[in-house]
């Protein structure tokens, strides 16, 4: 069910670019791996719980990139 929710959210936020985003105002963020999807920015390694990891697996199987799925599942899962 969570995977379906994430796919539904993508319909709303699908226009957001897939490139990694870094904040120019913060020196620390420019050195980290930052990404923004559906208006949510996350930097660094994503630490996911079991439910979020299952969401990522489902989303990737449905065609989403793993990087985007990590952000979406962590933010909305």
PDB file of N, CA and C in Angstrom:
ATOM      1  N   UNK A   1       0.818  -1.190   0.000  1.00  0.00           N
ATOM      2  CA  UNK A   1       0.000   0.000   0.000  1.00  0.00           C
ATOM      3  C   UNK A   1       0.860   1.251   0.000  1.00  0.00           C
ATOM      4  N   UNK A   2       1.957   1.242   0.766  1.00  0.00           N
ATOM      5  CA  UNK A   2       2.839   2.401   0.805  1.00  0.00           C
ATOM      6  C   UNK A   2       3.418   2.670  -0.578  1.00  0.00           C
ATOM      7  N   UNK A   3       3.779   1.602  -1.299  1.00  0.00           N
ATOM      8  CA  UNK A   3       4.319   1.779  -2.650  1.00  0.00           C
ATOM      9  C   UNK A   3       3.326   2.478  -3.552  1.00  0.00           C
ATOM     10  N   UNK A   4       2.042   2.127  -3.426  1.00  0.00           N
ATOM     11  CA  UNK A   4       1.011   2.774  -4.240  1.00  0.00           C
ATOM     12  C   UNK A   4       0.903   4.240  -3.879  1.00  0.00           C
ATOM     13  N   UNK A   5       1.036   4.563  -2.581  1.00  0.00           N
ATOM     14  CA  UNK A   5       0.993   5.948  -2.141  1.00  0.00           C
ATOM     15  C   UNK A   5       2.141   6.737  -2.751  1.00  0.00           C
ATOM     16  N   UNK A   6       3.318   6.150  -2.754  1.00  0.00           N
ATOM     17  CA  UNK A   6       4.485   6.825  -3.306  1.00  0.00           C
ATOM     18  C   UNK A   6       4.285   7.067  -4.801  1.00  0.00           C
ATOM     19  N   UNK A   7       3.760   6.087  -5.501  1.00  0.00           N
ATOM     20  CA  UNK A   7       3.514   6.249  -6.927  1.00  0.00           C
ATOM     21  C   UNK A   7       2.497   7.357  -7.148  1.00  0.00           C
ATOM     22  N   UNK A   8       1.480   7.445  -6.296  1.00  0.00           N
ATOM     23  CA  UNK A   8       0.488   8.513  -6.410  1.00  0.00           C
ATOM     24  C   UNK A   8       1.125   9.868  -6.174  1.00  0.00           C
ATOM     25  N   UNK A   9       2.029   9.963  -5.223  1.00  0.00           N
ATOM     26  CA  UNK A   9       2.722  11.216  -4.935  1.00  0.00           C
ATOM     27  C   UNK A   9       3.554  11.646  -6.133  1.00  0.00           C
ATOM     28  N   UNK A  10       4.132  10.689  -6.839  1.00  0.00           N
ATOM     29  CA  UNK A  10       4.951  11.013  -8.000  1.00  0.00           C
ATOM     30  C   UNK A  10       4.150  11.737  -9.071  1.00  0.00           C
ATOM     31  N   UNK A  11       2.890  11.422  -9.189  1.00  0.00           N
ATOM     32  CA  UNK A  11       2.057  12.116 -10.162  1.00  0.00           C
ATOM     33  C   UNK A  11       1.985  13.600  -9.875  1.00  0.00           C
ATOM     34  N   UNK A  12       2.049  13.956  -8.601  1.00  0.00           N
ATOM     35  CA  UNK A  12       2.003  15.358  -8.198  1.00  0.00           C
ATOM     36  C   UNK A  12       3.372  16.008  -8.347  1.00  0.00           C
ATOM     37  N   UNK A  13       4.420  15.321  -7.904  1.00  0.00           N
ATOM     38  CA  UNK A  13       5.752  15.913  -7.876  1.00  0.00           C
ATOM     39  C   UNK A  13       6.662  15.424  -8.976  1.00  0.00           C
ATOM     40  N   UNK A  14       6.135  14.805  -9.994  1.00  0.00           N
ATOM     41  CA  UNK A  14       6.953  14.204 -11.035  1.00  0.00           C
ATOM     42  C   UNK A  14       7.778  15.191 -11.830  1.00  0.00           C
ATOM     43  N   UNK A  15       7.452  16.473 -11.764  1.00  0.00           N
ATOM     44  CA  UNK A  15       8.171  17.463 -12.552  1.00  0.00           C
ATOM     45  C   UNK A  15       9.475  17.918 -11.937  1.00  0.00           C
ATOM     46  N   UNK A  16       9.760  17.499 -10.732  1.00  0.00           N
ATOM     47  CA  UNK A  16      10.980  17.929 -10.058  1.00  0.00           C
ATOM     48  C   UNK A  16      12.164  17.261 -10.716  1.00  0.00           C
ATOM     49  N   UNK A  17      13.225  18.012 -10.963  1.00  0.00           N
ATOM     50  CA  UNK A  17      14.401  17.477 -11.637  1.00  0.00           C
ATOM     51  C   UNK A  17      15.069  16.364 -10.856  1.00  0.00           C
ATOM     52  N   UNK A  18      15.759  15.478 -11.570  1.00  0.00           N
ATOM     53  CA  UNK A  18      16.393  14.337 -10.937  1.00  0.00           C
ATOM     54  C   UNK A  18      17.834  14.573 -10.548  1.00  0.00           C
ATOM     55  N   UNK A  19      18.367  15.734 -10.831  1.00  0.00           N
ATOM     56  CA  UNK A  19      19.766  15.989 -10.527  1.00  0.00           C
ATOM     57  C   UNK A  19      19.956  16.229  -9.042  1.00  0.00           C
ATOM     58  N   UNK A  20      21.107  15.878  -8.542  1.00  0.00           N
ATOM     59  CA  UNK A  20      21.419  16.136  -7.145  1.00  0.00           C
ATOM     60  C   UNK A  20      21.456  17.637  -6.921  1.00  0.00           C
ATOM     61  N   UNK A  21      20.918  18.061  -5.801  1.00  0.00           N
ATOM     62  CA  UNK A  21      20.871  19.487  -5.485  1.00  0.00           C
ATOM     63  C   UNK A  21      21.753  19.759  -4.286  1.00  0.00           C
ATOM     64  N   UNK A  22      22.434  20.873  -4.309  1.00  0.00           N
ATOM     65  CA  UNK A  22      23.262  21.264  -3.187  1.00  0.00           C
ATOM     66  C   UNK A  22      22.979  22.719  -2.862  1.00  0.00           C
ATOM     67  N   UNK A  23      22.915  23.028  -1.597  1.00  0.00           N
ATOM     68  CA  UNK A  23      22.657  24.391  -1.163  1.00  0.00           C
ATOM     69  C   UNK A  23      23.929  25.208  -1.316  1.00  0.00           C
ATOM     70  N   UNK A  24      23.852  26.309  -2.049  1.00  0.00           N
ATOM     71  CA  UNK A  24      25.037  27.138  -2.245  1.00  0.00           C
ATOM     72  C   UNK A  24      25.322  27.988  -1.018  1.00  0.00           C
ATOM     73  N   UNK A  25      24.358  28.128  -0.118  1.00  0.00           N
ATOM     74  CA  UNK A  25      24.555  28.958   1.056  1.00  0.00           C
ATOM     75  C   UNK A  25      25.287  28.230   2.176  1.00  0.00           C
ATOM     76  N   UNK A  26      25.414  26.940   2.080  1.00  0.00           N
ATOM     77  CA  UNK A  26      26.075  26.178   3.136  1.00  0.00           C
ATOM     78  C   UNK A  26      27.256  25.404   2.564  1.00  0.00           C
ATOM     79  N   UNK A  27      28.425  25.654   3.100  1.00  0.00           N
ATOM     80  CA  UNK A  27      29.633  24.958   2.654  1.00  0.00           C
ATOM     81  C   UNK A  27      29.513  23.459   2.876  1.00  0.00           C
ATOM     82  N   UNK A  28      28.929  23.068   3.998  1.00  0.00           N
ATOM     83  CA  UNK A  28      28.817  21.642   4.307  1.00  0.00           C
ATOM     84  C   UNK A  28      27.921  20.928   3.302  1.00  0.00           C
ATOM     85  N   UNK A  29      26.796  21.524   2.906  1.00  0.00           N
ATOM     86  CA  UNK A  29      25.888  20.887   1.967  1.00  0.00           C
ATOM     87  C   UNK A  29      26.495  20.737   0.582  1.00  0.00           C
ATOM     88  N   UNK A  30      27.380  21.632   0.177  1.00  0.00           N
ATOM     89  CA  UNK A  30      27.972  21.528  -1.152  1.00  0.00           C
ATOM     90  C   UNK A  30      28.922  20.340  -1.243  1.00  0.00           C
ATOM     91  N   UNK A  31      29.392  19.836  -0.110  1.00  0.00           N
ATOM     92  CA  UNK A  31      30.285  18.678  -0.107  1.00  0.00           C
ATOM     93  C   UNK A  31      29.533  17.371   0.082  1.00  0.00           C
ATOM     94  N   UNK A  32      28.263  17.447   0.428  1.00  0.00           N
ATOM     95  CA  UNK A  32      27.472  16.239   0.662  1.00  0.00           C
ATOM     96  C   UNK A  32      26.720  15.842  -0.595  1.00  0.00           C
ATOM     97  N   UNK A  33      26.250  14.609  -0.584  1.00  0.00           N
ATOM     98  CA  UNK A  33      25.401  14.076  -1.642  1.00  0.00           C
ATOM     99  C   UNK A  33      23.967  14.493  -1.334  1.00  0.00           C
ATOM    100  N   UNK A  34      23.520  15.594  -1.942  1.00  0.00           N
ATOM    101  CA  UNK A  34      22.170  16.099  -1.693  1.00  0.00           C
ATOM    102  C   UNK A  34      21.292  15.840  -2.900  1.00  0.00           C
ATOM    103  N   UNK A  35      20.002  15.636  -2.630  1.00  0.00           N
ATOM    104  CA  UNK A  35      19.049  15.431  -3.712  1.00  0.00           C
ATOM    105  C   UNK A  35      17.692  15.964  -3.270  1.00  0.00           C
ATOM    106  N   UNK A  36      16.939  16.460  -4.256  1.00  0.00           N
ATOM    107  CA  UNK A  36      15.620  17.024  -3.999  1.00  0.00           C
ATOM    108  C   UNK A  36      14.616  16.378  -4.929  1.00  0.00           C
ATOM    109  N   UNK A  37      13.575  15.815  -4.350  1.00  0.00           N
ATOM    110  CA  UNK A  37      12.468  15.225  -5.107  1.00  0.00           C
ATOM    111  C   UNK A  37      11.174  15.622  -4.421  1.00  0.00           C
ATOM    112  N   UNK A  38      10.167  15.960  -5.188  1.00  0.00           N
ATOM    113  CA  UNK A  38       8.846  16.322  -4.667  1.00  0.00           C
ATOM    114  C   UNK A  38       8.941  17.371  -3.567  1.00  0.00           C
ATOM    115  N   UNK A  39       9.867  18.309  -3.731  1.00  0.00           N
ATOM    116  CA  UNK A  39      10.014  19.400  -2.779  1.00  0.00           C
ATOM    117  C   UNK A  39      10.708  19.024  -1.482  1.00  0.00           C
ATOM    118  N   UNK A  40      11.290  17.830  -1.410  1.00  0.00           N
ATOM    119  CA  UNK A  40      11.982  17.373  -0.205  1.00  0.00           C
ATOM    120  C   UNK A  40      13.458  17.216  -0.532  1.00  0.00           C
ATOM    121  N   UNK A  41      14.330  17.887   0.243  1.00  0.00           N
ATOM    122  CA  UNK A  41      15.772  17.779   0.050  1.00  0.00           C
ATOM    123  C   UNK A  41      16.357  16.963   1.182  1.00  0.00           C
ATOM    124  N   UNK A  42      17.187  15.989   0.826  1.00  0.00           N
ATOM    125  CA  UNK A  42      17.896  15.199   1.816  1.00  0.00           C
ATOM    126  C   UNK A  42      19.347  15.097   1.386  1.00  0.00           C
ATOM    127  N   UNK A  43      20.246  15.185   2.355  1.00  0.00           N
ATOM    128  CA  UNK A  43      21.678  15.120   2.082  1.00  0.00           C
ATOM    129  C   UNK A  43      22.305  13.959   2.841  1.00  0.00           C
ATOM    130  N   UNK A  44      23.365  13.451   2.278  1.00  0.00           N
ATOM    131  CA  UNK A  44      24.112  12.381   2.933  1.00  0.00           C
ATOM    132  C   UNK A  44      23.476  11.024   2.726  1.00  0.00           C
ATOM    133  N   UNK A  45      24.033  10.044   3.422  1.00  0.00           N
ATOM    134  CA  UNK A  45      23.543   8.671   3.315  1.00  0.00           C
ATOM    135  C   UNK A  45      22.171   8.570   3.971  1.00  0.00           C
ATOM    136  N   UNK A  46      21.256   7.908   3.281  1.00  0.00           N
ATOM    137  CA  UNK A  46      19.900   7.738   3.801  1.00  0.00           C
ATOM    138  C   UNK A  46      19.850   6.535   4.726  1.00  0.00           C
ATOM    139  N   UNK A  47      19.392   6.732   5.930  1.00  0.00           N
ATOM    140  CA  UNK A  47      19.231   5.635   6.891  1.00  0.00           C
ATOM    141  C   UNK A  47      17.745   5.305   6.955  1.00  0.00           C
ATOM    142  N   UNK A  48      17.404   4.135   6.470  1.00  0.00           N
ATOM    143  CA  UNK A  48      16.016   3.737   6.356  1.00  0.00           C
ATOM    144  C   UNK A  48      15.688   2.609   7.315  1.00  0.00           C
ATOM    145  N   UNK A  49      14.476   2.657   7.871  1.00  0.00           N
ATOM    146  CA  UNK A  49      14.036   1.531   8.697  1.00  0.00           C
ATOM    147  C   UNK A  49      13.496   0.430   7.776  1.00  0.00           C
ATOM    148  N   UNK A  50      13.065  -0.659   8.359  1.00  0.00           N
ATOM    149  CA  UNK A  50      12.628  -1.811   7.565  1.00  0.00           C
ATOM    150  C   UNK A  50      11.436  -1.473   6.671  1.00  0.00           C
ATOM    151  N   UNK A  51      10.490  -0.727   7.188  1.00  0.00           N
ATOM    152  CA  UNK A  51       9.299  -0.343   6.414  1.00  0.00           C
ATOM    153  C   UNK A  51       9.688   0.545   5.225  1.00  0.00           C
ATOM    154  N   UNK A  52      10.582   1.491   5.466  1.00  0.00           N
ATOM    155  CA  UNK A  52      11.032   2.377   4.393  1.00  0.00           C
ATOM    156  C   UNK A  52      11.819   1.605   3.342  1.00  0.00           C
ATOM    157  N   UNK A  53      12.650   0.653   3.751  1.00  0.00           N
ATOM    158  CA  UNK A  53      13.428  -0.158   2.811  1.00  0.00           C
ATOM    159  C   UNK A  53      12.492  -0.992   1.938  1.00  0.00           C
ATOM    160  N   UNK A  54      11.413  -1.531   2.535  1.00  0.00           N
ATOM    161  CA  UNK A  54      10.420  -2.288   1.757  1.00  0.00           C
ATOM    162  C   UNK A  54       9.735  -1.366   0.744  1.00  0.00           C
ATOM    163  N   UNK A  55       9.453  -0.147   1.148  1.00  0.00           N
ATOM    164  CA  UNK A  55       8.858   0.846   0.246  1.00  0.00           C
ATOM    165  C   UNK A  55       9.789   1.116  -0.931  1.00  0.00           C
ATOM    166  N   UNK A  56      11.092   1.280  -0.650  1.00  0.00           N
ATOM    167  CA  UNK A  56      12.082   1.521  -1.703  1.00  0.00           C
ATOM    168  C   UNK A  56      12.108   0.349  -2.681  1.00  0.00           C
ATOM    169  N   UNK A  57      12.126  -0.854  -2.169  1.00  0.00           N
ATOM    170  CA  UNK A  57      12.164  -2.044  -3.021  1.00  0.00           C
ATOM    171  C   UNK A  57      10.962  -2.071  -3.960  1.00  0.00           C
ATOM    172  N   UNK A  58       9.774  -1.809  -3.414  1.00  0.00           N
ATOM    173  CA  UNK A  58       8.553  -1.804  -4.221  1.00  0.00           C
ATOM    174  C   UNK A  58       8.593  -0.703  -5.277  1.00  0.00           C
ATOM    175  N   UNK A  59       9.013   0.482  -4.879  1.00  0.00           N
ATOM    176  CA  UNK A  59       9.060   1.608  -5.815  1.00  0.00           C
ATOM    177  C   UNK A  59      10.048   1.355  -6.949  1.00  0.00           C
ATOM    178  N   UNK A  60      11.208   0.779  -6.636  1.00  0.00           N
ATOM    179  CA  UNK A  60      12.213   0.467  -7.658  1.00  0.00           C
ATOM    180  C   UNK A  60      11.669  -0.581  -8.625  1.00  0.00           C
ATOM    181  N   UNK A  61      10.961  -1.567  -8.098  1.00  0.00           N
ATOM    182  CA  UNK A  61      10.361  -2.586  -8.958  1.00  0.00           C
ATOM    183  C   UNK A  61       9.316  -1.985  -9.895  1.00  0.00           C
ATOM    184  N   UNK A  62       8.736  -0.861  -9.491  1.00  0.00           N
ATOM    185  CA  UNK A  62       7.727  -0.191 -10.312  1.00  0.00           C
ATOM    186  C   UNK A  62       8.345   0.848 -11.251  1.00  0.00           C
ATOM    187  N   UNK A  63       9.689   0.961 -11.237  1.00  0.00           N
ATOM    188  CA  UNK A  63      10.364   1.809 -12.208  1.00  0.00           C
ATOM    189  C   UNK A  63      10.996   3.081 -11.676  1.00  0.00           C
ATOM    190  N   UNK A  64      10.880   3.369 -10.395  1.00  0.00           N
ATOM    191  CA  UNK A  64      11.481   4.574  -9.829  1.00  0.00           C
ATOM    192  C   UNK A  64      12.968   4.320  -9.590  1.00  0.00           C
ATOM    193  N   UNK A  65      13.782   5.357  -9.680  1.00  0.00           N
ATOM    194  CA  UNK A  65      15.201   5.195  -9.355  1.00  0.00           C
ATOM    195  C   UNK A  65      15.345   4.977  -7.852  1.00  0.00           C
ATOM    196  N   UNK A  66      16.392   4.273  -7.463  1.00  0.00           N
ATOM    197  CA  UNK A  66      16.597   3.985  -6.046  1.00  0.00           C
ATOM    198  C   UNK A  66      16.828   5.261  -5.247  1.00  0.00           C
ATOM    199  N   UNK A  67      17.596   6.200  -5.799  1.00  0.00           N
ATOM    200  CA  UNK A  67      17.867   7.460  -5.093  1.00  0.00           C
ATOM    201  C   UNK A  67      16.574   8.210  -4.807  1.00  0.00           C
ATOM    202  N   UNK A  68      15.703   8.292  -5.805  1.00  0.00           N
ATOM    203  CA  UNK A  68      14.443   8.997  -5.601  1.00  0.00           C
ATOM    204  C   UNK A  68      13.553   8.238  -4.619  1.00  0.00           C
ATOM    205  N   UNK A  69      13.502   6.922  -4.755  1.00  0.00           N
ATOM    206  CA  UNK A  69      12.679   6.111  -3.865  1.00  0.00           C
ATOM    207  C   UNK A  69      13.106   6.283  -2.411  1.00  0.00           C
ATOM    208  N   UNK A  70      14.406   6.375  -2.160  1.00  0.00           N
ATOM    209  CA  UNK A  70      14.883   6.576  -0.793  1.00  0.00           C
ATOM    210  C   UNK A  70      14.343   7.872  -0.207  1.00  0.00           C
ATOM    211  N   UNK A  71      14.388   8.944  -0.977  1.00  0.00           N
ATOM    212  CA  UNK A  71      13.894  10.237  -0.493  1.00  0.00           C
ATOM    213  C   UNK A  71      12.384  10.194  -0.304  1.00  0.00           C
ATOM    214  N   UNK A  72      11.665   9.684  -1.315  1.00  0.00           N
ATOM    215  CA  UNK A  72      10.208   9.644  -1.254  1.00  0.00           C
ATOM    216  C   UNK A  72       9.727   8.762  -0.101  1.00  0.00           C
ATOM    217  N   UNK A  73      10.303   7.591   0.047  1.00  0.00           N
ATOM    218  CA  UNK A  73       9.856   6.655   1.094  1.00  0.00           C
ATOM    219  C   UNK A  73      10.194   7.171   2.484  1.00  0.00           C
ATOM    220  N   UNK A  74      11.309   7.851   2.612  1.00  0.00           N
ATOM    221  CA  UNK A  74      11.682   8.407   3.923  1.00  0.00           C
ATOM    222  C   UNK A  74      10.787   9.588   4.276  1.00  0.00           C
ATOM    223  N   UNK A  75      10.473  10.413   3.298  1.00  0.00           N
ATOM    224  CA  UNK A  75       9.677  11.613   3.555  1.00  0.00           C
ATOM    225  C   UNK A  75       8.193  11.312   3.726  1.00  0.00           C
ATOM    226  N   UNK A  76       7.668  10.399   2.917  1.00  0.00           N
ATOM    227  CA  UNK A  76       6.222  10.176   2.888  1.00  0.00           C
ATOM    228  C   UNK A  76       5.801   8.809   3.409  1.00  0.00           C
ATOM    229  N   UNK A  77       6.771   7.962   3.763  1.00  0.00           N
ATOM    230  CA  UNK A  77       6.452   6.591   4.163  1.00  0.00           C
ATOM    231  C   UNK A  77       6.221   6.391   5.579  1.00  0.00           C
TER     232      UNK A  77
END
